[in-house]
PDB file of all heavy atoms in Angstrom:
ATOM      1  N   LYS A   1       0.847  -1.192   0.000  1.00  0.00           N
ATOM      2  CA  LYS A   1       0.000   0.000   0.000  1.00  0.00           C
ATOM      3  C   LYS A   1       0.883   1.243   0.000  1.00  0.00           C
ATOM      4  O   LYS A   1       1.820   1.353   0.777  1.00  0.00           O
ATOM      5  CB  LYS A   1      -0.920  -0.002   1.214  1.00  0.00           C
ATOM      6  CG  LYS A   1      -2.015  -1.056   1.145  1.00  0.00           C
ATOM      7  CD  LYS A   1      -2.983  -0.914   2.311  1.00  0.00           C
ATOM      8  CE  LYS A   1      -4.095  -1.953   2.223  1.00  0.00           C
ATOM      9  NZ  LYS A   1      -5.054  -1.816   3.357  1.00  0.00           N
ATOM     10  N   ALA A   2       0.550   2.158  -0.878  1.00  0.00           N
ATOM     11  CA  ALA A   2       1.348   3.383  -1.013  1.00  0.00           C
ATOM     12  C   ALA A   2       1.096   4.337   0.149  1.00  0.00           C
ATOM     13  O   ALA A   2       0.070   4.263   0.833  1.00  0.00           O
ATOM     14  CB  ALA A   2       0.996   4.079  -2.328  1.00  0.00           C
ATOM     15  N   SER A   3       2.039   5.226   0.358  1.00  0.00           N
ATOM     16  CA  SER A   3       1.836   6.337   1.298  1.00  0.00           C
ATOM     17  C   SER A   3       1.089   7.448   0.577  1.00  0.00           C
ATOM     18  O   SER A   3       1.423   7.797  -0.548  1.00  0.00           O
ATOM     19  CB  SER A   3       3.185   6.868   1.796  1.00  0.00           C
ATOM     20  OG  SER A   3       3.009   8.114   2.440  1.00  0.00           O
ATOM     21  N   ASN A   4       0.084   8.002   1.236  1.00  0.00           N
ATOM     22  CA  ASN A   4      -0.675   9.090   0.610  1.00  0.00           C
ATOM     23  C   ASN A   4      -0.340  10.433   1.241  1.00  0.00           C
ATOM     24  O   ASN A   4      -1.175  11.336   1.257  1.00  0.00           O
ATOM     25  CB  ASN A   4      -2.170   8.816   0.689  1.00  0.00           C
ATOM     26  CG  ASN A   4      -2.848   9.092  -0.644  1.00  0.00           C
ATOM     27  OD1 ASN A   4      -2.270   9.737  -1.521  1.00  0.00           O
ATOM     28  ND2 ASN A   4      -4.065   8.616  -0.807  1.00  0.00           N
ATOM     29  N   SER A   5       0.877  10.566   1.738  1.00  0.00           N
ATOM     30  CA  SER A   5       1.353  11.855   2.237  1.00  0.00           C
ATOM     31  C   SER A   5       1.782  12.683   1.029  1.00  0.00           C
ATOM     32  O   SER A   5       2.899  12.554   0.526  1.00  0.00           O
ATOM     33  CB  SER A   5       2.528  11.650   3.199  1.00  0.00           C
ATOM     34  OG  SER A   5       3.024  12.876   3.657  1.00  0.00           O
ATOM     35  N   VAL A   6       0.873  13.528   0.554  1.00  0.00           N
ATOM     36  CA  VAL A   6       1.051  14.177  -0.746  1.00  0.00           C
ATOM     37  C   VAL A   6       2.275  15.091  -0.769  1.00  0.00           C
ATOM     38  O   VAL A   6       3.124  15.001  -1.667  1.00  0.00           O
ATOM     39  CB  VAL A   6      -0.219  14.964  -1.144  1.00  0.00           C
ATOM     40  CG1 VAL A   6      -0.002  15.687  -2.478  1.00  0.00           C
ATOM     41  CG2 VAL A   6      -1.409  14.022  -1.249  1.00  0.00           C
ATOM     42  N   LEU A   7       2.391  15.982   0.206  1.00  0.00           N
ATOM     43  CA  LEU A   7       3.477  16.965   0.170  1.00  0.00           C
ATOM     44  C   LEU A   7       4.838  16.310   0.365  1.00  0.00           C
ATOM     45  O   LEU A   7       5.809  16.669  -0.315  1.00  0.00           O
ATOM     46  CB  LEU A   7       3.240  18.046   1.224  1.00  0.00           C
ATOM     47  CG  LEU A   7       2.014  18.930   0.994  1.00  0.00           C
ATOM     48  CD1 LEU A   7       1.906  19.985   2.083  1.00  0.00           C
ATOM     49  CD2 LEU A   7       2.065  19.595  -0.377  1.00  0.00           C
ATOM     50  N   ASP A   8       4.922  15.336   1.279  1.00  0.00           N
ATOM     51  CA  ASP A   8       6.184  14.610   1.436  1.00  0.00           C
ATOM     52  C   ASP A   8       6.539  13.893   0.138  1.00  0.00           C
ATOM     53  O   ASP A   8       7.697  13.863  -0.276  1.00  0.00           O
ATOM     54  CB  ASP A   8       6.081  13.592   2.575  1.00  0.00           C
ATOM     55  CG  ASP A   8       6.107  14.244   3.948  1.00  0.00           C
ATOM     56  OD1 ASP A   8       6.483  15.433   4.028  1.00  0.00           O
ATOM     57  OD2 ASP A   8       5.742  13.573   4.927  1.00  0.00           O
ATOM     58  N   GLY A   9       5.527  13.296  -0.495  1.00  0.00           N
ATOM     59  CA  GLY A   9       5.771  12.580  -1.738  1.00  0.00           C
ATOM     60  C   GLY A   9       6.223  13.502  -2.855  1.00  0.00           C
ATOM     61  O   GLY A   9       7.149  13.175  -3.609  1.00  0.00           O
ATOM     62  N   ILE A  10       5.594  14.658  -2.979  1.00  0.00           N
ATOM     63  CA  ILE A  10       5.995  15.629  -4.006  1.00  0.00           C
ATOM     64  C   ILE A  10       7.436  16.072  -3.777  1.00  0.00           C
ATOM     65  O   ILE A  10       8.232  16.148  -4.717  1.00  0.00           O
ATOM     66  CB  ILE A  10       5.037  16.837  -4.008  1.00  0.00           C
ATOM     67  CG1 ILE A  10       3.682  16.432  -4.616  1.00  0.00           C
ATOM     68  CG2 ILE A  10       5.632  18.009  -4.788  1.00  0.00           C
ATOM     69  CD1 ILE A  10       2.628  17.513  -4.520  1.00  0.00           C
ATOM     70  N   ARG A  11       7.773  16.356  -2.533  1.00  0.00           N
ATOM     71  CA  ARG A  11       9.146  16.771  -2.226  1.00  0.00           C
ATOM     72  C   ARG A  11      10.146  15.667  -2.586  1.00  0.00           C
ATOM     73  O   ARG A  11      11.212  15.931  -3.140  1.00  0.00           O
ATOM     74  CB  ARG A  11       9.276  17.131  -0.746  1.00  0.00           C
ATOM     75  CG  ARG A  11      10.654  17.683  -0.390  1.00  0.00           C
ATOM     76  CD  ARG A  11      10.757  18.065   1.070  1.00  0.00           C
ATOM     77  NE  ARG A  11      10.769  16.891   1.928  1.00  0.00           N
ATOM     78  CZ  ARG A  11       9.906  16.679   2.904  1.00  0.00           C
ATOM     79  NH1 ARG A  11       8.945  17.539   3.145  1.00  0.00           N
ATOM     80  NH2 ARG A  11       9.999  15.601   3.651  1.00  0.00           N
ATOM     81  N   ASN A  12       9.779  14.412  -2.296  1.00  0.00           N
ATOM     82  CA  ASN A  12      10.681  13.305  -2.618  1.00  0.00           C
ATOM     83  C   ASN A  12      10.865  13.138  -4.124  1.00  0.00           C
ATOM     84  O   ASN A  12      11.977  12.882  -4.599  1.00  0.00           O
ATOM     85  CB  ASN A  12      10.153  12.001  -2.011  1.00  0.00           C
ATOM     86  CG  ASN A  12      10.256  11.986  -0.503  1.00  0.00           C
ATOM     87  OD1 ASN A  12      11.003  12.758   0.079  1.00  0.00           O
ATOM     88  ND2 ASN A  12       9.484  11.123   0.140  1.00  0.00           N
ATOM     89  N   VAL A  13       9.773  13.263  -4.883  1.00  0.00           N
ATOM     90  CA  VAL A  13       9.881  13.173  -6.345  1.00  0.00           C
ATOM     91  C   VAL A  13      10.761  14.305  -6.872  1.00  0.00           C
ATOM     92  O   VAL A  13      11.636  14.088  -7.723  1.00  0.00           O
ATOM     93  CB  VAL A  13       8.490  13.211  -7.007  1.00  0.00           C
ATOM     94  CG1 VAL A  13       8.625  13.315  -8.531  1.00  0.00           C
ATOM     95  CG2 VAL A  13       7.684  11.968  -6.644  1.00  0.00           C
ATOM     96  N   ALA A  14      10.540  15.515  -6.373  1.00  0.00           N
ATOM     97  CA  ALA A  14      11.344  16.658  -6.817  1.00  0.00           C
ATOM     98  C   ALA A  14      12.824  16.426  -6.543  1.00  0.00           C
ATOM     99  O   ALA A  14      13.684  16.730  -7.386  1.00  0.00           O
ATOM    100  CB  ALA A  14      10.875  17.930  -6.111  1.00  0.00           C
ATOM    101  N   THR A  15      13.126  15.864  -5.387  1.00  0.00           N
ATOM    102  CA  THR A  15      14.524  15.582  -5.034  1.00  0.00           C
ATOM    103  C   THR A  15      15.128  14.563  -5.989  1.00  0.00           C
ATOM    104  O   THR A  15      16.267  14.724  -6.458  1.00  0.00           O
ATOM    105  CB  THR A  15      14.615  15.065  -3.590  1.00  0.00           C
ATOM    106  OG1 THR A  15      14.153  16.088  -2.699  1.00  0.00           O
ATOM    107  CG2 THR A  15      16.047  14.701  -3.226  1.00  0.00           C
ATOM    108  N   ARG A  16      14.381  13.514  -6.318  1.00  0.00           N
ATOM    109  CA  ARG A  16      14.907  12.462  -7.204  1.00  0.00           C
ATOM    110  C   ARG A  16      15.030  12.938  -8.646  1.00  0.00           C
ATOM    111  O   ARG A  16      15.929  12.501  -9.379  1.00  0.00           O
ATOM    112  CB  ARG A  16      14.024  11.210  -7.118  1.00  0.00           C
ATOM    113  CG  ARG A  16      14.023  10.578  -5.743  1.00  0.00           C
ATOM    114  CD  ARG A  16      15.419  10.212  -5.284  1.00  0.00           C
ATOM    115  NE  ARG A  16      15.468   9.859  -3.859  1.00  0.00           N
ATOM    116  CZ  ARG A  16      16.565   9.507  -3.219  1.00  0.00           C
ATOM    117  NH1 ARG A  16      17.730   9.482  -3.864  1.00  0.00           N
ATOM    118  NH2 ARG A  16      16.525   9.213  -1.936  1.00  0.00           N
ATOM    119  N   LEU A  17      14.148  13.820  -9.069  1.00  0.00           N
ATOM    120  CA  LEU A  17      14.301  14.431 -10.391  1.00  0.00           C
ATOM    121  C   LEU A  17      15.556  15.298 -10.421  1.00  0.00           C
ATOM    122  O   LEU A  17      16.356  15.231 -11.365  1.00  0.00           O
ATOM    123  CB  LEU A  17      13.077  15.295 -10.729  1.00  0.00           C
ATOM    124  CG  LEU A  17      11.779  14.571 -11.069  1.00  0.00           C
ATOM    125  CD1 LEU A  17      10.618  15.563 -11.094  1.00  0.00           C
ATOM    126  CD2 LEU A  17      11.880  13.846 -12.411  1.00  0.00           C
ATOM    127  N   GLN A  18      15.728  16.094  -9.383  1.00  0.00           N
ATOM    128  CA  GLN A  18      16.858  17.012  -9.322  1.00  0.00           C
ATOM    129  C   GLN A  18      18.187  16.255  -9.281  1.00  0.00           C
ATOM    130  O   GLN A  18      19.175  16.674  -9.889  1.00  0.00           O
ATOM    131  CB  GLN A  18      16.726  17.906  -8.087  1.00  0.00           C
ATOM    132  CG  GLN A  18      17.712  19.052  -8.012  1.00  0.00           C
ATOM    133  CD  GLN A  18      17.361  20.206  -8.931  1.00  0.00           C
ATOM    134  OE1 GLN A  18      16.260  20.263  -9.456  1.00  0.00           O
ATOM    135  NE2 GLN A  18      18.308  21.108  -9.144  1.00  0.00           N
ATOM    136  N   SER A  19      18.208  15.124  -8.571  1.00  0.00           N
ATOM    137  CA  SER A  19      19.456  14.366  -8.410  1.00  0.00           C
ATOM    138  C   SER A  19      19.696  13.364  -9.538  1.00  0.00           C
ATOM    139  O   SER A  19      20.730  12.702  -9.567  1.00  0.00           O
ATOM    140  CB  SER A  19      19.455  13.635  -7.064  1.00  0.00           C
ATOM    141  OG  SER A  19      18.356  12.755  -6.968  1.00  0.00           O
ATOM    142  N   GLY A  20      18.746  13.256 -10.479  1.00  0.00           N
ATOM    143  CA  GLY A  20      18.936  12.362 -11.622  1.00  0.00           C
ATOM    144  C   GLY A  20      18.827  10.896 -11.278  1.00  0.00           C
ATOM    145  O   GLY A  20      19.554  10.054 -11.819  1.00  0.00           O
ATOM    146  N   ASP A  21      17.886  10.559 -10.377  1.00  0.00           N
ATOM    147  CA  ASP A  21      17.696   9.165  -9.972  1.00  0.00           C
ATOM    148  C   ASP A  21      16.551   8.482 -10.701  1.00  0.00           C
ATOM    149  O   ASP A  21      16.433   7.260 -10.635  1.00  0.00           O
ATOM    150  CB  ASP A  21      17.440   9.098  -8.459  1.00  0.00           C
ATOM    151  CG  ASP A  21      18.674   9.421  -7.647  1.00  0.00           C
ATOM    152  OD1 ASP A  21      19.770   9.002  -8.049  1.00  0.00           O
ATOM    153  OD2 ASP A  21      18.548  10.109  -6.614  1.00  0.00           O
ATOM    154  N   ILE A  22      15.658   9.253 -11.342  1.00  0.00           N
ATOM    155  CA  ILE A  22      14.525   8.656 -12.054  1.00  0.00           C
ATOM    156  C   ILE A  22      14.433   9.240 -13.465  1.00  0.00           C
ATOM    157  O   ILE A  22      14.674  10.432 -13.674  1.00  0.00           O
ATOM    158  CB  ILE A  22      13.191   8.863 -11.308  1.00  0.00           C
ATOM    159  CG1 ILE A  22      12.941  10.339 -10.999  1.00  0.00           C
ATOM    160  CG2 ILE A  22      13.156   8.033 -10.028  1.00  0.00           C
ATOM    161  CD1 ILE A  22      11.568  10.615 -10.390  1.00  0.00           C
ATOM    162  N   PHE A  23      14.075   8.346 -14.409  1.00  0.00           N
ATOM    163  CA  PHE A  23      13.955   8.733 -15.814  1.00  0.00           C
ATOM    164  C   PHE A  23      12.695   8.103 -16.404  1.00  0.00           C
ATOM    165  O   PHE A  23      12.112   7.172 -15.824  1.00  0.00           O
ATOM    166  CB  PHE A  23      15.197   8.283 -16.601  1.00  0.00           C
ATOM    167  CG  PHE A  23      16.463   8.962 -16.146  1.00  0.00           C
ATOM    168  CD1 PHE A  23      17.245   8.401 -15.138  1.00  0.00           C
ATOM    169  CD2 PHE A  23      16.873  10.151 -16.715  1.00  0.00           C
ATOM    170  CE1 PHE A  23      18.401   9.028 -14.698  1.00  0.00           C
ATOM    171  CE2 PHE A  23      18.020  10.787 -16.284  1.00  0.00           C
ATOM    172  CZ  PHE A  23      18.795  10.219 -15.279  1.00  0.00           C
ATOM    173  N   PHE A  24      12.300   8.595 -17.580  1.00  0.00           N
ATOM    174  CA  PHE A  24      11.030   8.193 -18.175  1.00  0.00           C
ATOM    175  C   PHE A  24      11.242   7.859 -19.648  1.00  0.00           C
ATOM    176  O   PHE A  24      11.684   8.721 -20.426  1.00  0.00           O
ATOM    177  CB  PHE A  24      10.003   9.313 -18.008  1.00  0.00           C
ATOM    178  CG  PHE A  24       9.806   9.690 -16.559  1.00  0.00           C
ATOM    179  CD1 PHE A  24      10.681  10.584 -15.940  1.00  0.00           C
ATOM    180  CD2 PHE A  24       8.793   9.121 -15.819  1.00  0.00           C
ATOM    181  CE1 PHE A  24      10.534  10.904 -14.597  1.00  0.00           C
ATOM    182  CE2 PHE A  24       8.641   9.437 -14.473  1.00  0.00           C
ATOM    183  CZ  PHE A  24       9.518  10.318 -13.858  1.00  0.00           C
TER     184      PHE A  24
END
């Protein structure tokens, strides 16, 4: 089951985009 902490999740995605850890 996913975490639905929206703001924490957005911050984590932003960090991983910035650090080049996730690609599409």
